[in-house]
Amino acid sequence: MPPSQKIMKDDILQAAFNLVRENGPESLNARSIAKALNCSTQPVFSCYANMADLKADVFALADQYHTEYFNRVEAGEDFFLNIGMAYVDFALEEPNLFRLLFMSDGFNGRLNELVMCDCSDHLTRSMPSFIDRHSDATNAVFTDMWLYMHGISTMLVMNQLEVSRDEIREMISRVIHSIISTLPPKEE
């Protein structure tokens, strides 16, 4: 009878996620995972056919973590500002996960999906009543705002921007007010 496997697929996935979170997406390889689990690479490849499958699962877990992060956002009266700041805060608090999710090949072609789906049910319920979530104009505003937040967040993660959180809040506020002023009134 073969020995029972002590290291399970979930253990490998969690170790891989933690590696990426702590050291960045480039740290994800079988040897690093094996070292973190204090084992050989054999369990990694007995649970995953290849590293591409493991990377896909790590990306999905990071995406789930990001969604859960946004589920904790209190949108409040400054809905767009608070969401924008949450995006920036995620980049500041989780720079390696931000890089994986938004600055890697896994992100390729996901702009529309992110802009349209990044607002979880929790945030959608908090959306101001004057916003028609399904109009083309609103989608354009969300895209414009997301691109601006993403630019700031990327520059922060890459250490290319040195500004305080209060300055960022003010920058975002100015742009949001400008962009929101272009929204047509919601049709009843």
N, C-alpha and C. Protein backbone atom coordinates (compact mmCIF):
# COMPACT_ATOMS: atom_id res chain seq x y z
N MET A 1 0.85 -1.17 0.00
CA MET A 1 0.00 0.00 0.00
C MET A 1 0.90 1.24 0.00
N PRO A 2 0.65 2.20 -0.93
CA PRO A 2 1.49 3.39 -0.98
C PRO A 2 1.26 4.27 0.26
N PRO A 3 2.29 5.00 0.65
CA PRO A 3 2.11 5.87 1.83
C PRO A 3 1.07 6.95 1.53
N SER A 4 0.33 7.33 2.56
CA SER A 4 -0.69 8.37 2.37
C SER A 4 0.00 9.72 2.17
N GLN A 5 -0.60 10.50 1.33
CA GLN A 5 -0.03 11.81 1.02
C GLN A 5 -0.35 12.77 2.16
N LYS A 6 0.68 13.36 2.71
CA LYS A 6 0.50 14.26 3.84
C LYS A 6 0.21 15.68 3.39
N ILE A 7 0.73 16.05 2.25
CA ILE A 7 0.55 17.42 1.76
C ILE A 7 -0.55 17.40 0.70
N MET A 8 -1.59 18.14 0.98
CA MET A 8 -2.77 18.15 0.12
C MET A 8 -2.71 19.33 -0.85
N LYS A 9 -3.56 19.27 -1.85
CA LYS A 9 -3.63 20.32 -2.87
C LYS A 9 -3.89 21.69 -2.25
N ASP A 10 -4.79 21.75 -1.27
CA ASP A 10 -5.07 23.03 -0.60
C ASP A 10 -3.85 23.58 0.12
N ASP A 11 -3.03 22.69 0.70
CA ASP A 11 -1.80 23.13 1.37
C ASP A 11 -0.85 23.77 0.35
N ILE A 12 -0.74 23.15 -0.80
CA ILE A 12 0.15 23.65 -1.85
C ILE A 12 -0.36 24.99 -2.35
N LEU A 13 -1.66 25.08 -2.59
CA LEU A 13 -2.24 26.34 -3.07
C LEU A 13 -2.05 27.45 -2.05
N GLN A 14 -2.29 27.16 -0.79
CA GLN A 14 -2.13 28.20 0.24
C GLN A 14 -0.66 28.63 0.36
N ALA A 15 0.25 27.68 0.29
CA ALA A 15 1.68 28.03 0.34
C ALA A 15 2.07 28.87 -0.86
N ALA A 16 1.56 28.53 -2.03
CA ALA A 16 1.86 29.29 -3.24
C ALA A 16 1.29 30.70 -3.14
N PHE A 17 0.05 30.83 -2.65
CA PHE A 17 -0.58 32.13 -2.46
C PHE A 17 0.25 32.98 -1.49
N ASN A 18 0.66 32.39 -0.38
CA ASN A 18 1.45 33.11 0.62
C ASN A 18 2.80 33.56 0.05
N LEU A 19 3.41 32.69 -0.77
CA LEU A 19 4.68 33.07 -1.41
C LEU A 19 4.50 34.30 -2.29
N VAL A 20 3.47 34.27 -3.12
CA VAL A 20 3.21 35.41 -4.00
C VAL A 20 2.90 36.65 -3.18
N ARG A 21 2.09 36.50 -2.17
CA ARG A 21 1.71 37.64 -1.33
C ARG A 21 2.92 38.27 -0.65
N GLU A 22 3.84 37.44 -0.20
CA GLU A 22 5.00 37.95 0.53
C GLU A 22 6.15 38.37 -0.39
N ASN A 23 6.37 37.62 -1.48
CA ASN A 23 7.58 37.82 -2.28
C ASN A 23 7.34 38.22 -3.73
N GLY A 24 6.08 38.23 -4.16
CA GLY A 24 5.77 38.62 -5.53
C GLY A 24 5.56 37.45 -6.46
N PRO A 25 4.90 37.71 -7.59
CA PRO A 25 4.57 36.64 -8.54
C PRO A 25 5.78 35.89 -9.08
N GLU A 26 6.91 36.57 -9.18
CA GLU A 26 8.11 35.91 -9.72
C GLU A 26 8.68 34.85 -8.78
N SER A 27 8.23 34.82 -7.53
CA SER A 27 8.72 33.83 -6.56
C SER A 27 8.00 32.49 -6.69
N LEU A 28 6.99 32.43 -7.52
CA LEU A 28 6.17 31.23 -7.62
C LEU A 28 6.84 30.17 -8.50
N ASN A 29 7.41 29.17 -7.84
CA ASN A 29 7.99 28.02 -8.55
C ASN A 29 7.91 26.82 -7.60
N ALA A 30 8.05 25.65 -8.17
CA ALA A 30 7.88 24.40 -7.40
C ALA A 30 8.87 24.31 -6.24
N ARG A 31 10.11 24.73 -6.46
CA ARG A 31 11.12 24.63 -5.39
C ARG A 31 10.77 25.53 -4.21
N SER A 32 10.31 26.74 -4.50
CA SER A 32 9.94 27.67 -3.42
C SER A 32 8.76 27.13 -2.62
N ILE A 33 7.81 26.57 -3.32
CA ILE A 33 6.64 26.00 -2.64
C ILE A 33 7.08 24.80 -1.78
N ALA A 34 7.91 23.94 -2.35
CA ALA A 34 8.40 22.78 -1.61
C ALA A 34 9.17 23.22 -0.36
N LYS A 35 9.98 24.24 -0.51
CA LYS A 35 10.74 24.74 0.64
C LYS A 35 9.79 25.27 1.72
N ALA A 36 8.76 26.01 1.30
CA ALA A 36 7.80 26.55 2.26
C ALA A 36 7.04 25.44 2.99
N LEU A 37 6.83 24.33 2.29
CA LEU A 37 6.11 23.20 2.88
C LEU A 37 7.04 22.17 3.52
N ASN A 38 8.35 22.43 3.41
CA ASN A 38 9.35 21.51 3.97
C ASN A 38 9.20 20.10 3.39
N CYS A 39 9.17 20.07 2.06
CA CYS A 39 9.03 18.78 1.37
C CYS A 39 9.78 18.85 0.04
N SER A 40 9.71 17.79 -0.72
CA SER A 40 10.28 17.81 -2.07
C SER A 40 9.26 18.42 -3.03
N THR A 41 9.63 18.54 -4.29
CA THR A 41 8.69 19.06 -5.28
C THR A 41 7.68 18.00 -5.71
N GLN A 42 7.90 16.75 -5.32
CA GLN A 42 7.01 15.66 -5.74
C GLN A 42 5.54 15.93 -5.38
N PRO A 43 5.21 16.35 -4.16
CA PRO A 43 3.79 16.60 -3.86
C PRO A 43 3.17 17.69 -4.75
N VAL A 44 3.98 18.69 -5.10
CA VAL A 44 3.47 19.77 -5.96
C VAL A 44 3.01 19.18 -7.29
N PHE A 45 3.86 18.33 -7.87
CA PHE A 45 3.54 17.79 -9.19
C PHE A 45 2.63 16.57 -9.14
N SER A 46 2.39 16.04 -7.94
CA SER A 46 1.38 14.98 -7.86
C SER A 46 -0.02 15.59 -7.74
N CYS A 47 -0.08 16.83 -7.25
CA CYS A 47 -1.38 17.53 -7.13
C CYS A 47 -1.69 18.40 -8.34
N TYR A 48 -0.65 18.89 -8.99
CA TYR A 48 -0.81 19.77 -10.16
C TYR A 48 -0.04 19.17 -11.33
N ALA A 49 -0.69 19.09 -12.46
CA ALA A 49 -0.06 18.53 -13.66
C ALA A 49 1.11 19.40 -14.11
N ASN A 50 0.99 20.71 -13.89
CA ASN A 50 2.05 21.63 -14.30
C ASN A 50 1.92 22.95 -13.52
N MET A 51 2.92 23.77 -13.63
CA MET A 51 2.93 25.05 -12.91
C MET A 51 1.87 26.00 -13.44
N ALA A 52 1.52 25.90 -14.70
CA ALA A 52 0.49 26.78 -15.26
C ALA A 52 -0.85 26.57 -14.54
N ASP A 53 -1.18 25.32 -14.24
CA ASP A 53 -2.42 25.04 -13.51
C ASP A 53 -2.37 25.61 -12.10
N LEU A 54 -1.24 25.47 -11.45
CA LEU A 54 -1.08 26.02 -10.11
C LEU A 54 -1.17 27.54 -10.15
N LYS A 55 -0.50 28.16 -11.11
CA LYS A 55 -0.55 29.62 -11.23
C LYS A 55 -1.97 30.11 -11.47
N ALA A 56 -2.73 29.37 -12.27
CA ALA A 56 -4.13 29.74 -12.51
C ALA A 56 -4.94 29.68 -11.21
N ASP A 57 -4.69 28.67 -10.39
CA ASP A 57 -5.39 28.56 -9.11
C ASP A 57 -4.97 29.67 -8.15
N VAL A 58 -3.69 30.03 -8.15
CA VAL A 58 -3.21 31.12 -7.30
C VAL A 58 -3.86 32.43 -7.75
N PHE A 59 -3.93 32.64 -9.04
CA PHE A 59 -4.57 33.85 -9.57
C PHE A 59 -6.03 33.90 -9.13
N ALA A 60 -6.74 32.78 -9.24
CA ALA A 60 -8.15 32.73 -8.84
C ALA A 60 -8.30 32.99 -7.35
N LEU A 61 -7.40 32.46 -6.53
CA LEU A 61 -7.46 32.70 -5.09
C LEU A 61 -7.18 34.16 -4.78
N ALA A 62 -6.23 34.76 -5.46
CA ALA A 62 -5.94 36.19 -5.27
C ALA A 62 -7.13 37.04 -5.70
N ASP A 63 -7.77 36.66 -6.78
CA ASP A 63 -8.95 37.37 -7.26
C ASP A 63 -10.08 37.28 -6.23
N GLN A 64 -10.26 36.12 -5.64
CA GLN A 64 -11.26 35.93 -4.59
C GLN A 64 -10.92 36.79 -3.37
N TYR A 65 -9.65 36.83 -3.01
CA TYR A 65 -9.20 37.65 -1.88
C TYR A 65 -9.50 39.13 -2.16
N HIS A 66 -9.25 39.56 -3.38
CA HIS A 66 -9.52 40.95 -3.78
C HIS A 66 -11.02 41.25 -3.67
N THR A 67 -11.86 40.34 -4.11
CA THR A 67 -13.31 40.53 -4.02
C THR A 67 -13.73 40.63 -2.56
N GLU A 68 -13.20 39.76 -1.71
CA GLU A 68 -13.53 39.81 -0.29
C GLU A 68 -13.05 41.12 0.34
N TYR A 69 -11.92 41.61 -0.11
CA TYR A 69 -11.41 42.91 0.36
C TYR A 69 -12.43 44.00 0.05
N PHE A 70 -12.95 44.00 -1.17
CA PHE A 70 -13.93 45.02 -1.56
C PHE A 70 -15.27 44.81 -0.88
N ASN A 71 -15.59 43.61 -0.47
CA ASN A 71 -16.83 43.37 0.25
C ASN A 71 -16.82 44.03 1.63
N ARG A 72 -15.65 44.39 2.12
CA ARG A 72 -15.54 45.07 3.41
C ARG A 72 -15.59 46.60 3.28
N VAL A 73 -15.60 47.10 2.05
CA VAL A 73 -15.60 48.55 1.85
C VAL A 73 -16.96 49.12 2.21
N GLU A 74 -16.95 50.16 3.01
CA GLU A 74 -18.17 50.90 3.31
C GLU A 74 -18.23 52.06 2.32
N ALA A 75 -19.12 51.96 1.35
CA ALA A 75 -19.17 52.96 0.28
C ALA A 75 -19.61 54.32 0.80
N GLY A 76 -20.62 54.36 1.63
CA GLY A 76 -21.07 55.61 2.23
C GLY A 76 -21.49 56.66 1.21
N GLU A 77 -21.54 57.90 1.67
CA GLU A 77 -21.99 58.99 0.81
C GLU A 77 -21.01 59.30 -0.31
N ASP A 78 -19.73 59.13 -0.06
CA ASP A 78 -18.71 59.38 -1.09
C ASP A 78 -18.39 58.07 -1.80
N PHE A 79 -19.40 57.47 -2.39
CA PHE A 79 -19.31 56.15 -3.01
C PHE A 79 -18.08 56.00 -3.89
N PHE A 80 -17.92 56.85 -4.89
CA PHE A 80 -16.84 56.71 -5.85
C PHE A 80 -15.48 56.98 -5.21
N LEU A 81 -15.42 57.96 -4.35
CA LEU A 81 -14.16 58.27 -3.67
C LEU A 81 -13.73 57.11 -2.78
N ASN A 82 -14.67 56.57 -2.02
CA ASN A 82 -14.34 55.46 -1.12
C ASN A 82 -13.91 54.21 -1.88
N ILE A 83 -14.56 53.96 -3.00
CA ILE A 83 -14.16 52.80 -3.81
C ILE A 83 -12.78 53.04 -4.43
N GLY A 84 -12.58 54.27 -4.92
CA GLY A 84 -11.26 54.60 -5.49
C GLY A 84 -10.16 54.45 -4.46
N MET A 85 -10.41 54.94 -3.26
CA MET A 85 -9.41 54.83 -2.19
C MET A 85 -9.21 53.36 -1.78
N ALA A 86 -10.26 52.57 -1.83
CA ALA A 86 -10.11 51.14 -1.51
C ALA A 86 -9.20 50.47 -2.53
N TYR A 87 -9.33 50.86 -3.80
CA TYR A 87 -8.47 50.29 -4.83
C TYR A 87 -7.01 50.66 -4.56
N VAL A 88 -6.78 51.92 -4.22
CA VAL A 88 -5.43 52.39 -3.90
C VAL A 88 -4.93 51.70 -2.63
N ASP A 89 -5.78 51.60 -1.63
CA ASP A 89 -5.38 50.95 -0.37
C ASP A 89 -5.00 49.49 -0.60
N PHE A 90 -5.75 48.80 -1.45
CA PHE A 90 -5.40 47.42 -1.77
C PHE A 90 -3.99 47.36 -2.36
N ALA A 91 -3.69 48.27 -3.27
CA ALA A 91 -2.36 48.30 -3.88
C ALA A 91 -1.28 48.57 -2.82
N LEU A 92 -1.57 49.47 -1.89
CA LEU A 92 -0.59 49.80 -0.85
C LEU A 92 -0.43 48.67 0.16
N GLU A 93 -1.53 48.02 0.52
CA GLU A 93 -1.49 46.97 1.53
C GLU A 93 -1.04 45.62 0.97
N GLU A 94 -1.37 45.38 -0.29
CA GLU A 94 -1.07 44.08 -0.92
C GLU A 94 -0.38 44.29 -2.26
N PRO A 95 0.80 44.93 -2.26
CA PRO A 95 1.42 45.26 -3.55
C PRO A 95 1.73 44.04 -4.43
N ASN A 96 2.10 42.93 -3.83
CA ASN A 96 2.42 41.75 -4.63
C ASN A 96 1.17 41.11 -5.24
N LEU A 97 0.07 41.11 -4.48
CA LEU A 97 -1.18 40.60 -5.05
C LEU A 97 -1.69 41.56 -6.13
N PHE A 98 -1.52 42.85 -5.91
CA PHE A 98 -1.90 43.83 -6.92
C PHE A 98 -1.12 43.59 -8.21
N ARG A 99 0.18 43.36 -8.07
CA ARG A 99 1.00 43.09 -9.25
C ARG A 99 0.52 41.84 -9.97
N LEU A 100 0.21 40.78 -9.21
CA LEU A 100 -0.28 39.55 -9.81
C LEU A 100 -1.59 39.79 -10.55
N LEU A 101 -2.53 40.44 -9.89
CA LEU A 101 -3.87 40.60 -10.45
C LEU A 101 -3.93 41.61 -11.60
N PHE A 102 -3.18 42.70 -11.49
CA PHE A 102 -3.38 43.82 -12.41
C PHE A 102 -2.17 44.20 -13.24
N MET A 103 -1.05 43.53 -13.02
CA MET A 103 0.16 43.90 -13.75
C MET A 103 0.87 42.66 -14.30
N SER A 104 0.10 41.60 -14.55
CA SER A 104 0.71 40.36 -15.04
C SER A 104 -0.07 39.85 -16.24
N ASP A 105 0.43 38.79 -16.83
CA ASP A 105 -0.24 38.20 -17.99
C ASP A 105 -1.64 37.70 -17.65
N GLY A 106 -1.88 37.34 -16.40
CA GLY A 106 -3.21 36.88 -16.01
C GLY A 106 -4.26 37.95 -16.14
N PHE A 107 -3.84 39.21 -16.10
CA PHE A 107 -4.75 40.35 -16.23
C PHE A 107 -5.12 40.62 -17.68
N ASN A 108 -4.31 40.18 -18.60
CA ASN A 108 -4.47 40.48 -20.01
C ASN A 108 -5.91 40.31 -20.49
N GLY A 109 -6.48 41.39 -21.01
CA GLY A 109 -7.82 41.34 -21.59
C GLY A 109 -8.95 41.36 -20.59
N ARG A 110 -8.68 41.61 -19.32
CA ARG A 110 -9.73 41.56 -18.28
C ARG A 110 -10.30 42.93 -17.93
N LEU A 111 -9.92 44.00 -18.65
CA LEU A 111 -10.38 45.34 -18.29
C LEU A 111 -11.89 45.42 -18.22
N ASN A 112 -12.57 44.99 -19.26
CA ASN A 112 -14.03 45.09 -19.25
C ASN A 112 -14.64 44.27 -18.13
N GLU A 113 -14.11 43.10 -17.90
CA GLU A 113 -14.62 42.26 -16.82
C GLU A 113 -14.43 42.94 -15.47
N LEU A 114 -13.27 43.54 -15.26
CA LEU A 114 -13.00 44.20 -13.99
C LEU A 114 -13.88 45.42 -13.79
N VAL A 115 -13.98 46.24 -14.82
CA VAL A 115 -14.77 47.45 -14.69
C VAL A 115 -16.23 47.09 -14.43
N MET A 116 -16.71 46.07 -15.11
CA MET A 116 -18.11 45.71 -14.98
C MET A 116 -18.39 44.86 -13.75
N CYS A 117 -17.44 44.07 -13.31
CA CYS A 117 -17.71 43.12 -12.23
C CYS A 117 -17.03 43.46 -10.92
N ASP A 118 -16.14 44.43 -10.92
CA ASP A 118 -15.39 44.72 -9.70
C ASP A 118 -16.32 45.20 -8.59
N CYS A 119 -17.42 45.81 -8.98
CA CYS A 119 -18.40 46.21 -7.97
C CYS A 119 -19.16 44.96 -7.55
N SER A 120 -18.86 44.48 -6.38
CA SER A 120 -19.55 43.30 -5.88
C SER A 120 -21.01 43.65 -5.60
N ASP A 121 -21.80 42.64 -5.31
CA ASP A 121 -23.20 42.89 -4.95
C ASP A 121 -23.29 43.87 -3.79
N HIS A 122 -22.38 43.72 -2.84
CA HIS A 122 -22.34 44.61 -1.68
C HIS A 122 -22.21 46.07 -2.13
N LEU A 123 -21.27 46.34 -3.03
CA LEU A 123 -21.07 47.72 -3.50
C LEU A 123 -22.19 48.17 -4.43
N THR A 124 -22.69 47.28 -5.24
CA THR A 124 -23.77 47.64 -6.15
C THR A 124 -24.99 48.10 -5.36
N ARG A 125 -25.28 47.44 -4.25
CA ARG A 125 -26.41 47.85 -3.40
C ARG A 125 -26.17 49.22 -2.78
N SER A 126 -24.91 49.60 -2.63
CA SER A 126 -24.58 50.89 -2.01
C SER A 126 -24.50 52.03 -3.03
N MET A 127 -24.62 51.71 -4.30
CA MET A 127 -24.47 52.70 -5.35
C MET A 127 -25.54 53.79 -5.22
N PRO A 128 -25.15 55.05 -5.39
CA PRO A 128 -26.14 56.14 -5.31
C PRO A 128 -27.29 55.91 -6.29
N SER A 129 -28.47 56.33 -5.90
CA SER A 129 -29.67 56.07 -6.70
C SER A 129 -29.65 56.82 -8.04
N PHE A 130 -28.86 57.89 -8.15
CA PHE A 130 -28.84 58.63 -9.40
C PHE A 130 -27.99 57.94 -10.48
N ILE A 131 -27.35 56.84 -10.14
CA ILE A 131 -26.49 56.12 -11.09
C ILE A 131 -27.28 55.00 -11.75
N ASP A 132 -27.32 55.01 -13.06
CA ASP A 132 -27.91 53.91 -13.82
C ASP A 132 -26.77 52.95 -14.17
N ARG A 133 -26.62 51.91 -13.39
CA ARG A 133 -25.47 50.99 -13.49
C ARG A 133 -25.35 50.34 -14.87
N HIS A 134 -26.43 50.29 -15.61
CA HIS A 134 -26.41 49.56 -16.88
C HIS A 134 -26.31 50.46 -18.10
N SER A 135 -26.19 51.76 -17.90
CA SER A 135 -26.11 52.65 -19.07
C SER A 135 -24.68 52.69 -19.62
N ASP A 136 -24.57 52.96 -20.90
CA ASP A 136 -23.26 53.09 -21.53
C ASP A 136 -22.47 54.24 -20.92
N ALA A 137 -23.15 55.33 -20.57
CA ALA A 137 -22.47 56.49 -19.97
C ALA A 137 -21.86 56.12 -18.62
N THR A 138 -22.61 55.37 -17.82
CA THR A 138 -22.08 54.95 -16.51
C THR A 138 -20.90 54.01 -16.69
N ASN A 139 -20.99 53.10 -17.63
CA ASN A 139 -19.87 52.19 -17.88
C ASN A 139 -18.64 52.96 -18.33
N ALA A 140 -18.82 54.00 -19.13
CA ALA A 140 -17.69 54.83 -19.55
C ALA A 140 -17.08 55.54 -18.35
N VAL A 141 -17.92 56.04 -17.45
CA VAL A 141 -17.43 56.72 -16.24
C VAL A 141 -16.65 55.74 -15.37
N PHE A 142 -17.19 54.55 -15.18
CA PHE A 142 -16.48 53.54 -14.39
C PHE A 142 -15.12 53.21 -15.02
N THR A 143 -15.09 53.09 -16.33
CA THR A 143 -13.83 52.81 -17.02
C THR A 143 -12.83 53.94 -16.80
N ASP A 144 -13.28 55.18 -16.99
CA ASP A 144 -12.39 56.34 -16.79
C ASP A 144 -11.85 56.38 -15.37
N MET A 145 -12.73 56.17 -14.41
CA MET A 145 -12.30 56.22 -13.01
C MET A 145 -11.35 55.08 -12.70
N TRP A 146 -11.67 53.88 -13.19
CA TRP A 146 -10.81 52.74 -12.92
C TRP A 146 -9.41 52.97 -13.51
N LEU A 147 -9.35 53.50 -14.72
CA LEU A 147 -8.05 53.75 -15.34
C LEU A 147 -7.23 54.75 -14.52
N TYR A 148 -7.88 55.76 -14.00
CA TYR A 148 -7.18 56.75 -13.17
C TYR A 148 -6.67 56.11 -11.87
N MET A 149 -7.55 55.36 -11.18
CA MET A 149 -7.15 54.70 -9.93
C MET A 149 -6.03 53.70 -10.19
N HIS A 150 -6.15 52.99 -11.31
CA HIS A 150 -5.15 51.99 -11.64
C HIS A 150 -3.80 52.66 -11.90
N GLY A 151 -3.81 53.78 -12.58
CA GLY A 151 -2.56 54.50 -12.84
C GLY A 151 -1.87 54.91 -11.55
N ILE A 152 -2.63 55.50 -10.66
CA ILE A 152 -2.06 55.90 -9.36
C ILE A 152 -1.54 54.68 -8.61
N SER A 153 -2.35 53.64 -8.54
CA SER A 153 -1.98 52.44 -7.79
C SER A 153 -0.73 51.78 -8.37
N THR A 154 -0.67 51.70 -9.68
CA THR A 154 0.50 51.10 -10.33
C THR A 154 1.76 51.90 -10.02
N MET A 155 1.65 53.21 -10.11
CA MET A 155 2.82 54.05 -9.81
C MET A 155 3.25 53.89 -8.35
N LEU A 156 2.30 53.74 -7.45
CA LEU A 156 2.63 53.53 -6.04
C LEU A 156 3.33 52.19 -5.84
N VAL A 157 2.79 51.15 -6.44
CA VAL A 157 3.37 49.81 -6.31
C VAL A 157 4.78 49.76 -6.88
N MET A 158 5.00 50.50 -7.95
CA MET A 158 6.32 50.52 -8.60
C MET A 158 7.25 51.58 -8.00
N ASN A 159 6.82 52.20 -6.91
CA ASN A 159 7.61 53.24 -6.24
C ASN A 159 7.97 54.40 -7.18
N GLN A 160 7.03 54.77 -8.03
CA GLN A 160 7.25 55.86 -8.97
C GLN A 160 6.47 57.11 -8.59
N LEU A 161 5.80 57.08 -7.45
CA LEU A 161 5.00 58.20 -7.01
C LEU A 161 5.12 58.31 -5.50
N GLU A 162 5.54 59.46 -5.05
CA GLU A 162 5.65 59.68 -3.61
C GLU A 162 4.71 60.80 -3.21
N VAL A 163 3.54 60.40 -2.77
CA VAL A 163 2.54 61.34 -2.28
C VAL A 163 1.87 60.72 -1.06
N SER A 164 1.31 61.57 -0.22
CA SER A 164 0.63 61.06 0.96
C SER A 164 -0.74 60.51 0.58
N ARG A 165 -1.30 59.74 1.47
CA ARG A 165 -2.64 59.20 1.24
C ARG A 165 -3.64 60.35 1.12
N ASP A 166 -3.46 61.41 1.92
CA ASP A 166 -4.37 62.57 1.83
C ASP A 166 -4.27 63.25 0.47
N GLU A 167 -3.05 63.35 -0.07
CA GLU A 167 -2.89 63.93 -1.41
C GLU A 167 -3.56 63.05 -2.47
N ILE A 168 -3.43 61.75 -2.31
CA ILE A 168 -4.07 60.83 -3.25
C ILE A 168 -5.59 61.00 -3.17
N ARG A 169 -6.09 61.07 -1.97
CA ARG A 169 -7.54 61.26 -1.77
C ARG A 169 -8.01 62.53 -2.47
N GLU A 170 -7.25 63.57 -2.34
CA GLU A 170 -7.62 64.84 -2.98
C GLU A 170 -7.56 64.73 -4.51
N MET A 171 -6.53 64.08 -5.02
CA MET A 171 -6.40 63.90 -6.48
C MET A 171 -7.60 63.11 -7.01
N ILE A 172 -7.93 62.04 -6.33
CA ILE A 172 -9.04 61.20 -6.77
C ILE A 172 -10.35 61.96 -6.68
N SER A 173 -10.53 62.70 -5.61
CA SER A 173 -11.75 63.48 -5.44
C SER A 173 -11.95 64.46 -6.59
N ARG A 174 -10.89 65.17 -6.97
CA ARG A 174 -11.00 66.13 -8.08
C ARG A 174 -11.42 65.44 -9.37
N VAL A 175 -10.78 64.33 -9.67
CA VAL A 175 -11.08 63.63 -10.91
C VAL A 175 -12.49 63.03 -10.87
N ILE A 176 -12.88 62.47 -9.75
CA ILE A 176 -14.21 61.88 -9.65
C ILE A 176 -15.28 62.94 -9.86
N HIS A 177 -15.15 64.08 -9.22
CA HIS A 177 -16.15 65.13 -9.40
C HIS A 177 -16.22 65.59 -10.85
N SER A 178 -15.09 65.65 -11.48
CA SER A 178 -15.06 66.04 -12.89
C SER A 178 -15.74 64.98 -13.77
N ILE A 179 -15.43 63.72 -13.51
CA ILE A 179 -16.00 62.64 -14.32
C ILE A 179 -17.50 62.48 -14.05
N ILE A 180 -17.91 62.54 -12.79
CA ILE A 180 -19.32 62.37 -12.45
C ILE A 180 -20.18 63.46 -13.08
N SER A 181 -19.61 64.63 -13.22
CA SER A 181 -20.39 65.72 -13.81
C SER A 181 -20.78 65.42 -15.26
N THR A 182 -20.16 64.43 -15.87
CA THR A 182 -20.51 64.07 -17.25
C THR A 182 -21.65 63.06 -17.32
N LEU A 183 -22.05 62.51 -16.17
CA LEU A 183 -23.11 61.50 -16.17
C LEU A 183 -24.47 62.13 -16.47
N PRO A 184 -25.20 61.53 -17.40
CA PRO A 184 -26.58 62.02 -17.62
C PRO A 184 -27.46 61.59 -16.45
N PRO A 185 -28.56 62.29 -16.21
CA PRO A 185 -29.46 61.87 -15.12
C PRO A 185 -30.04 60.49 -15.41
N LYS A 186 -30.30 59.76 -14.35
CA LYS A 186 -30.86 58.42 -14.48
C LYS A 186 -32.29 58.53 -14.98
N GLU A 187 -32.61 57.71 -15.98
CA GLU A 187 -33.97 57.69 -16.50
C GLU A 187 -34.82 56.83 -15.59
N GLU A 188 -35.97 57.32 -15.26
CA GLU A 188 -36.88 56.57 -14.39
C GLU A 188 -37.76 55.65 -15.18
